[in-house]
Amino acid sequence: MNYEALKLLIKSLVWNFRCVTCSWSIEEKDIFLMSIEWQKIVLEVLCPSCSKKSIIKSEVMSVDLTKSSLSKEQIVMLKNTIENNNGLKIRNSQNTINDNLIVELNKDLKKEKLNVMDLFNND
């Protein structure tokens, strides 16, 4: 699993996860890695209030957008959906963009035969 995807998953859990028993929120220290494979991860969450254990299974999946023949309007709609759902969390992230993140983004875009303009073009 990509390190950045793992960090985003953990941040998402901290922001959104509530214990099913007592509705208590968690912190990073309450999340334990049980197993990790190429695209799959299993985490255990231990509620700090009631000690209830929860198992989280997640998988990262790649989608080849070039094979789906998306129109420019559909790409814009996808971009807007991602921005609306995650933009605030990304902007509020404590991490800053560095050279490694830019290189990784470039590699991912090339894999999908996209370029940065496809993400930011509003046409």
Protein backbone atom coordinates (compact mmCIF):
# COMPACT_ATOMS: atom_id res chain seq x y z
CA MET A 1 0.00 0.00 0.00
CA ASN A 2 1.22 3.46 -0.88
CA TYR A 3 2.49 5.36 2.15
CA GLU A 4 0.42 8.44 1.30
CA ALA A 5 -2.73 6.30 0.97
CA LEU A 6 -2.02 4.76 4.38
CA LYS A 7 -1.56 8.21 5.95
CA LEU A 8 -4.82 9.42 4.39
CA LEU A 9 -6.67 6.32 5.64
CA ILE A 10 -5.40 6.86 9.19
CA LYS A 11 -6.29 10.57 9.09
CA SER A 12 -9.74 9.67 7.79
CA LEU A 13 -10.25 7.22 10.65
CA VAL A 14 -9.19 9.81 13.22
CA TRP A 15 -11.57 12.38 11.69
CA ASN A 16 -14.56 10.11 11.14
CA PHE A 17 -14.43 6.91 13.20
CA ARG A 18 -16.64 6.66 16.28
CA CYS A 19 -16.84 3.63 18.55
CA VAL A 20 -19.97 1.61 17.80
CA THR A 21 -20.46 0.96 21.52
CA CYS A 22 -19.88 4.36 23.12
CA SER A 23 -19.42 6.80 20.16
CA TRP A 24 -16.01 7.86 21.48
CA SER A 25 -13.57 9.29 18.94
CA ILE A 26 -10.07 7.90 18.46
CA GLU A 27 -6.53 9.18 17.98
CA GLU A 28 -3.67 7.78 15.92
CA LYS A 29 -2.28 5.99 18.98
CA ASP A 30 -5.49 3.91 19.13
CA ILE A 31 -4.92 2.41 15.65
CA PHE A 32 -2.82 -0.73 15.27
CA LEU A 33 -1.55 -2.27 12.04
CA MET A 34 -2.45 -5.96 11.87
CA SER A 35 -1.43 -6.77 8.31
CA ILE A 36 -0.45 -5.00 5.15
CA GLU A 37 -0.14 -6.29 1.62
CA TRP A 38 0.38 -4.61 -1.73
CA GLN A 39 -3.07 -2.99 -1.90
CA LYS A 40 -4.77 -4.28 1.25
CA ILE A 41 -4.49 -3.35 4.89
CA VAL A 42 -6.11 -4.56 8.09
CA LEU A 43 -6.16 -2.25 11.10
CA GLU A 44 -7.39 -2.75 14.63
CA VAL A 45 -8.94 0.19 16.45
CA LEU A 46 -9.08 0.10 20.25
CA CYS A 47 -11.57 2.49 21.81
CA PRO A 48 -9.80 4.50 24.54
CA SER A 49 -13.05 4.84 26.48
CA CYS A 50 -14.67 1.37 26.56
CA SER A 51 -11.82 -0.80 25.13
CA LYS A 52 -14.03 -2.15 22.34
CA LYS A 53 -11.93 -3.51 19.46
CA SER A 54 -12.94 -2.87 15.86
CA ILE A 55 -11.32 -4.31 12.75
CA ILE A 56 -10.95 -2.08 9.69
CA LYS A 57 -10.17 -3.64 6.30
CA SER A 58 -9.29 -1.39 3.41
CA GLU A 59 -8.12 -1.82 -0.14
CA VAL A 60 -6.68 0.69 -2.58
CA MET A 61 -7.87 0.20 -6.09
CA SER A 62 -6.62 1.71 -9.34
CA VAL A 63 -9.04 2.79 -12.01
CA ASP A 64 -7.90 3.37 -15.57
CA LEU A 65 -9.93 6.43 -16.54
CA THR A 66 -8.61 6.37 -20.11
CA LYS A 67 -10.54 3.16 -20.82
CA SER A 68 -13.82 4.67 -19.65
CA SER A 69 -13.90 7.39 -22.32
CA LEU A 70 -14.82 10.17 -19.93
CA SER A 71 -15.84 13.46 -21.45
CA LYS A 72 -14.30 16.72 -20.25
CA GLU A 73 -17.54 17.43 -18.38
CA GLN A 74 -17.31 14.09 -16.58
CA ILE A 75 -13.67 14.72 -15.64
CA VAL A 76 -14.67 18.13 -14.26
CA MET A 77 -17.53 16.54 -12.32
CA LEU A 78 -15.14 13.90 -10.90
CA LYS A 79 -12.60 16.57 -9.99
CA ASN A 80 -15.31 18.68 -8.29
CA THR A 81 -16.61 15.68 -6.35
CA ILE A 82 -13.13 14.88 -5.09
CA GLU A 83 -12.53 18.51 -4.20
CA ASN A 84 -15.88 18.88 -2.42
CA ASN A 85 -15.46 15.66 -0.46
CA ASN A 86 -11.78 15.93 0.39
CA GLY A 87 -10.57 19.43 -0.42
CA LEU A 88 -11.04 20.89 3.04
CA LYS A 89 -9.30 17.92 4.66
CA ILE A 90 -6.42 18.18 2.21
CA ARG A 91 -6.10 21.93 2.72
CA ASN A 92 -6.18 21.48 6.50
CA SER A 93 -3.57 18.74 6.40
CA GLN A 94 -0.47 19.48 8.42
CA ASN A 95 1.72 18.03 5.67
CA THR A 96 3.22 20.30 3.09
CA ILE A 97 3.77 19.45 -0.53
CA ASN A 98 7.33 18.38 -1.16
CA ASP A 99 9.33 17.16 -4.15
CA ASN A 100 8.57 13.49 -3.40
CA LEU A 101 4.81 14.09 -3.46
CA ILE A 102 5.08 15.93 -6.77
CA VAL A 103 7.15 13.13 -8.31
CA GLU A 104 4.63 10.52 -7.09
CA LEU A 105 1.69 12.51 -8.45
CA ASN A 106 3.45 12.81 -11.80
CA LYS A 107 4.05 9.03 -11.92
CA ASP A 108 0.41 8.30 -11.03
CA LEU A 109 -0.87 10.70 -13.70
CA LYS A 110 1.39 9.16 -16.34
CA LYS A 111 0.11 5.68 -15.44
CA GLU A 112 -3.41 6.90 -16.15
CA LYS A 113 -2.26 8.77 -19.28
CA LEU A 114 -3.38 12.05 -17.74
CA ASN A 115 -1.55 15.27 -17.04
CA VAL A 116 -1.95 17.93 -14.40
CA MET A 117 -4.04 20.07 -16.73
CA ASP A 118 -6.67 17.31 -16.84
CA LEU A 119 -7.15 17.83 -13.10
CA PHE A 120 -7.32 21.61 -13.23
CA ASN A 121 -8.93 22.29 -16.60
CA ASN A 122 -12.43 23.68 -16.17
CA ASP A 123 -13.43 23.49 -19.86
